[in-house]
């Protein structure tokens, strides 16, 4: 009986080590960015784009169009930091409202916010790394 208990205990210990090894640094980083991005989204974006990312009728565009987000990945940082005055078409609807600038957000906050947006509301696009955000910021016109 004692031998069976020791074998079971050892097996559980080995399984725990194996499962811990499966959680790599990239996964932990993604989870941290996503969680922090959720809070940043609620503070800076949800008032207009809504908690569910569906926007506001024909006034504020939704964040649910995966194709648009992928196509404009490099521009999303610029849209947040410098705002938008141009009209955009999302899901066949022309949005002409003005998006305010969020110039006060640090690159790490932008990375976290975009990680949340591009992995919520039906989107699954992986992490926005802060080095990627820095590169995109330099390319803003």
Protein backbone atom coordinates (compact mmCIF):
# COMPACT_ATOMS: atom_id res chain seq x y z
CA UNK A 1 0.00 0.00 0.00
CA UNK A 2 2.78 2.40 0.93
CA UNK A 3 4.66 1.54 -2.27
CA UNK A 4 1.57 2.33 -4.37
CA UNK A 5 1.20 5.66 -2.56
CA UNK A 6 4.84 6.56 -3.24
CA UNK A 7 4.51 5.64 -6.91
CA UNK A 8 1.33 7.71 -7.22
CA UNK A 9 2.95 10.67 -5.45
CA UNK A 10 6.04 10.46 -7.66
CA UNK A 11 3.86 10.20 -10.79
CA UNK A 12 1.91 13.30 -9.78
CA UNK A 13 5.16 15.16 -9.15
CA UNK A 14 6.52 14.22 -12.60
CA UNK A 15 3.22 15.20 -14.23
CA UNK A 16 3.28 18.58 -12.46
CA UNK A 17 6.80 19.25 -13.73
CA UNK A 18 5.78 18.24 -17.25
CA UNK A 19 2.71 20.50 -17.23
CA UNK A 20 4.70 23.44 -15.86
CA UNK A 21 7.26 23.02 -18.63
CA UNK A 22 4.47 23.26 -21.21
CA UNK A 23 3.72 26.83 -20.16
CA UNK A 24 6.49 28.73 -21.90
CA UNK A 25 7.54 32.36 -21.56
CA UNK A 26 5.71 33.41 -24.73
CA UNK A 27 2.47 32.02 -23.37
CA UNK A 28 2.95 33.81 -20.06
CA UNK A 29 3.81 37.07 -21.85
CA UNK A 30 0.69 36.77 -24.03
CA UNK A 31 -1.52 36.13 -21.00
CA UNK A 32 -0.03 39.11 -19.16
CA UNK A 33 -0.42 41.44 -22.18
CA UNK A 34 -3.98 40.24 -22.77
CA UNK A 35 -5.04 40.73 -19.13
CA UNK A 36 -3.42 44.16 -18.85
CA UNK A 37 -4.80 45.10 -22.28
CA UNK A 38 -8.30 44.26 -21.11
CA UNK A 39 -8.05 46.85 -18.35
CA UNK A 40 -6.52 49.44 -20.69
CA UNK A 41 -9.30 48.79 -23.22
CA UNK A 42 -11.96 49.34 -20.57
CA UNK A 43 -10.32 52.62 -19.57
CA UNK A 44 -9.50 54.09 -22.98
CA UNK A 45 -11.61 52.37 -25.65
CA UNK A 46 -14.81 50.79 -24.31
CA UNK A 47 -16.66 54.09 -23.90
CA UNK A 48 -16.86 54.33 -27.69
CA UNK A 49 -16.23 50.83 -29.04
CA UNK A 50 -18.31 49.22 -26.25
CA UNK A 51 -17.35 46.37 -23.93
CA UNK A 52 -18.17 43.82 -26.63
CA UNK A 53 -16.20 45.66 -29.37
CA UNK A 54 -19.30 46.13 -31.52
CA UNK A 55 -19.03 49.92 -31.71
CA UNK A 56 -22.06 52.17 -31.79
CA UNK A 57 -24.47 51.71 -34.72
CA UNK A 58 -23.27 53.75 -37.71
CA UNK A 59 -21.32 56.20 -35.55
CA UNK A 60 -18.38 54.23 -34.13
CA UNK A 61 -16.88 51.24 -35.95
CA UNK A 62 -16.74 47.79 -34.44
CA UNK A 63 -13.47 46.02 -33.65
CA UNK A 64 -14.85 42.71 -34.84
CA UNK A 65 -13.66 42.80 -38.47
CA UNK A 66 -10.65 40.48 -38.34
CA UNK A 67 -9.79 41.12 -41.99
CA UNK A 68 -9.60 44.89 -41.44
CA UNK A 69 -7.45 44.46 -38.34
CA UNK A 70 -5.03 42.11 -40.12
CA UNK A 71 -4.83 44.33 -43.19
CA UNK A 72 -4.14 47.42 -41.08
CA UNK A 73 -1.93 45.84 -38.39
CA UNK A 74 0.85 48.37 -38.93
CA UNK A 75 -1.58 51.32 -38.85
CA UNK A 76 -3.56 50.42 -35.73
CA UNK A 77 -0.92 51.93 -33.44
CA UNK A 78 -1.06 55.19 -35.41
CA UNK A 79 -4.87 55.24 -35.24
CA UNK A 80 -4.75 55.00 -31.45
CA UNK A 81 -1.92 57.47 -30.85
CA UNK A 82 -2.89 60.13 -33.41
CA UNK A 83 -6.61 59.48 -33.73
CA UNK A 84 -8.53 59.31 -36.99
CA UNK A 85 -10.35 61.91 -39.02
CA UNK A 86 -10.71 59.93 -42.24
CA UNK A 87 -13.74 57.85 -43.01
CA UNK A 88 -13.27 54.09 -42.95
CA UNK A 89 -15.40 51.22 -44.20
CA UNK A 90 -15.92 48.28 -41.84
CA UNK A 91 -18.24 45.43 -42.82
CA UNK A 92 -19.62 47.56 -45.67
CA UNK A 93 -20.55 50.51 -43.43
CA UNK A 94 -18.87 53.90 -43.92
CA UNK A 95 -17.85 55.46 -40.59
CA UNK A 96 -17.05 59.17 -40.67
CA UNK A 97 -16.70 60.05 -37.01
CA UNK A 98 -13.53 61.37 -35.41
CA UNK A 99 -11.47 59.10 -33.18
CA UNK A 100 -9.63 61.07 -30.48
CA UNK A 101 -5.87 60.74 -30.08
CA UNK A 102 -4.44 58.81 -27.13
CA UNK A 103 -0.90 60.29 -27.29
CA UNK A 104 -0.33 59.70 -23.58
CA UNK A 105 -0.23 55.89 -23.88
CA UNK A 106 3.24 54.36 -23.59
CA UNK A 107 4.36 51.83 -26.22
CA UNK A 108 3.95 48.97 -23.73
CA UNK A 109 0.35 50.06 -23.06
CA UNK A 110 -0.31 50.23 -26.80
CA UNK A 111 1.10 46.72 -27.23
CA UNK A 112 -1.09 45.38 -24.46
CA UNK A 113 -4.22 47.17 -25.70
CA UNK A 114 -3.70 45.92 -29.24
CA UNK A 115 -2.98 42.41 -28.03
CA UNK A 116 -6.34 42.50 -26.27
CA UNK A 117 -8.26 44.00 -29.23
CA UNK A 118 -6.75 41.68 -31.83
CA UNK A 119 -7.48 38.61 -29.69
CA UNK A 120 -11.00 39.51 -28.56
CA UNK A 121 -14.33 40.02 -30.30
CA UNK A 122 -13.78 36.99 -32.55
CA UNK A 123 -10.19 37.95 -33.42
CA UNK A 124 -7.22 35.61 -32.81
CA UNK A 125 -4.04 37.30 -34.01
CA UNK A 126 -1.42 36.70 -31.34
CA UNK A 127 0.68 39.16 -29.43
CA UNK A 128 1.61 42.71 -30.36
CA UNK A 129 5.13 43.02 -29.02
CA UNK A 130 6.38 46.37 -27.74
CA UNK A 131 9.27 46.30 -30.26
CA UNK A 132 6.71 45.89 -33.04
CA UNK A 133 4.75 48.85 -31.66
CA UNK A 134 7.91 50.99 -31.56
CA UNK A 135 8.62 50.12 -35.20
CA UNK A 136 5.05 50.95 -36.25
CA UNK A 137 5.11 54.24 -34.32
CA UNK A 138 8.19 55.38 -36.23
CA UNK A 139 6.35 54.70 -39.50
CA UNK A 140 3.30 56.83 -38.62
CA UNK A 141 2.81 59.71 -41.05
